[in-house]
Protein backbone atom coordinates (compact mmCIF):
# COMPACT_ATOMS: atom_id res chain seq x y z
CA UNK A 1 0.00 0.00 0.00
CA UNK A 2 1.40 3.33 -1.09
CA UNK A 3 1.64 5.94 1.64
CA UNK A 4 3.04 9.44 1.90
CA UNK A 5 2.73 10.81 5.40
CA UNK A 6 3.56 14.43 6.11
CA UNK A 7 4.42 15.64 9.58
CA UNK A 8 6.01 18.61 11.29
CA UNK A 9 3.33 21.19 10.70
CA UNK A 10 1.96 23.40 13.40
CA UNK A 11 1.77 26.95 14.64
CA UNK A 12 4.73 29.29 14.23
CA UNK A 13 5.27 32.96 14.75
CA UNK A 14 6.49 35.15 11.91
CA UNK A 15 10.23 34.79 11.50
CA UNK A 16 10.34 31.33 13.02
CA UNK A 17 11.25 28.06 11.32
CA UNK A 18 9.58 24.69 10.82
CA UNK A 19 10.73 21.52 9.11
CA UNK A 20 8.22 19.29 7.39
CA UNK A 21 8.84 15.61 6.77
CA UNK A 22 7.32 13.29 4.18
CA UNK A 23 7.69 9.59 4.97
CA UNK A 24 7.10 7.26 2.05
CA UNK A 25 6.28 3.57 1.85
CA UNK A 26 4.86 1.09 -0.61
CA UNK A 27 6.83 2.20 -3.66
CA UNK A 28 10.43 2.62 -4.77
CA UNK A 29 11.08 6.00 -3.25
CA UNK A 30 14.46 6.65 -4.88
CA UNK A 31 12.97 6.48 -8.37
CA UNK A 32 10.44 9.24 -7.74
CA UNK A 33 10.93 12.98 -7.78
CA UNK A 34 9.40 14.73 -4.80
CA UNK A 35 7.50 17.97 -4.72
CA UNK A 36 6.00 20.01 -1.92
CA UNK A 37 2.78 21.86 -2.70
CA UNK A 38 0.63 24.06 -0.53
CA UNK A 39 -2.94 25.25 -0.52
CA UNK A 40 -4.13 28.26 1.42
CA UNK A 41 -7.82 28.80 2.19
CA UNK A 42 -9.66 30.01 -0.87
CA UNK A 43 -6.63 29.61 -3.11
CA UNK A 44 -5.47 27.04 -5.61
CA UNK A 45 -2.83 24.51 -4.71
CA UNK A 46 0.62 25.73 -5.70
CA UNK A 47 4.01 24.14 -6.20
CA UNK A 48 6.47 25.22 -3.53
CA UNK A 49 9.59 23.13 -4.15
CA UNK A 50 10.82 20.09 -6.04
CA UNK A 51 13.77 17.72 -5.94
CA UNK A 52 14.90 15.00 -8.32
CA UNK A 53 14.84 11.30 -7.51
CA UNK A 54 18.50 11.17 -6.51
CA UNK A 55 18.61 14.61 -4.97
CA UNK A 56 21.32 15.80 -7.32
CA UNK A 57 21.03 18.75 -9.63
CA UNK A 58 19.13 21.95 -9.21
CA UNK A 59 16.16 21.98 -6.91
CA UNK A 60 13.05 23.91 -7.86
CA UNK A 61 11.54 26.67 -5.73
CA UNK A 62 8.63 29.02 -6.10
CA UNK A 63 9.74 32.65 -6.16
CA UNK A 64 7.81 33.30 -2.98
CA UNK A 65 9.97 30.88 -0.97
CA UNK A 66 13.39 31.16 -2.61
CA UNK A 67 16.09 31.79 -0.05
CA UNK A 68 13.79 30.79 2.82
CA UNK A 69 12.79 27.17 2.10
CA UNK A 70 15.06 24.21 1.38
CA UNK A 71 13.94 20.87 0.02
CA UNK A 72 15.98 17.75 0.66
CA UNK A 73 15.62 13.99 0.81
CA UNK A 74 17.19 10.98 2.46
CA UNK A 75 16.66 8.01 0.18
CA UNK A 76 18.11 5.65 2.80
CA UNK A 77 15.15 6.59 5.02
CA UNK A 78 12.51 7.04 2.29
CA UNK A 79 11.89 10.52 3.59
CA UNK A 80 11.80 14.00 2.11
CA UNK A 81 12.00 17.27 3.99
CA UNK A 82 11.04 20.89 3.61
CA UNK A 83 12.98 23.24 5.84
CA UNK A 84 11.10 26.50 6.17
CA UNK A 85 12.77 29.53 7.69
CA UNK A 86 11.79 33.15 8.17
CA UNK A 87 8.15 32.13 8.00
CA UNK A 88 5.57 34.71 6.99
CA UNK A 89 1.81 34.81 7.59
CA UNK A 90 1.32 34.24 3.87
CA UNK A 91 3.02 30.85 4.24
CA UNK A 92 -0.06 29.67 6.12
CA UNK A 93 -1.48 26.70 4.21
CA UNK A 94 -1.88 22.97 4.14
CA UNK A 95 1.38 21.52 2.82
CA UNK A 96 1.30 18.39 0.70
CA UNK A 97 4.03 16.02 -0.40
CA UNK A 98 3.82 14.57 -3.91
CA UNK A 99 5.87 11.76 -5.43
CA UNK A 100 6.15 11.72 -9.22
CA UNK A 101 7.58 9.35 -11.78
CA UNK A 102 6.31 9.82 -15.30
CA UNK A 103 2.53 9.48 -15.18
CA UNK A 104 2.60 7.90 -11.75
CA UNK A 105 1.95 10.27 -8.87
CA UNK A 106 1.08 9.92 -5.21
CA UNK A 107 -0.08 12.55 -2.74
CA UNK A 108 0.08 12.73 1.00
CA UNK A 109 -2.81 13.84 3.16
CA UNK A 110 -1.23 17.18 4.04
CA UNK A 111 -0.07 18.94 7.17
CA UNK A 112 -1.29 22.32 8.36
CA UNK A 113 1.17 25.17 8.80
CA UNK A 114 -0.12 28.32 10.46
CA UNK A 115 2.05 31.40 10.80
CA UNK A 116 0.57 33.95 13.15
CA UNK A 117 1.64 36.29 15.88
């Protein structure tokens, strides 16, 4: 059974940091690229960051998070991460992990991140 389980969300104050984790099982993790997406209330889901299957090469970041967020993965632990620093209220959203290989894609259930003073 394929599973992507996000964790690490919660409440943070502006300027603080959070690290999200995405634990994968049920498929060959190191053959899938990983993306983090987010969806704020009333807005469409948007791509935040992406990393290739082996973690080498250039990672992808939305302009809104460049310099603040870092995507990484540990294929030995079937886990991907999103380190978020200097959080802003506009980063408030449900964050989703997505695994992609060709036409095959899996989504996690999401984890809520709320940035508020």
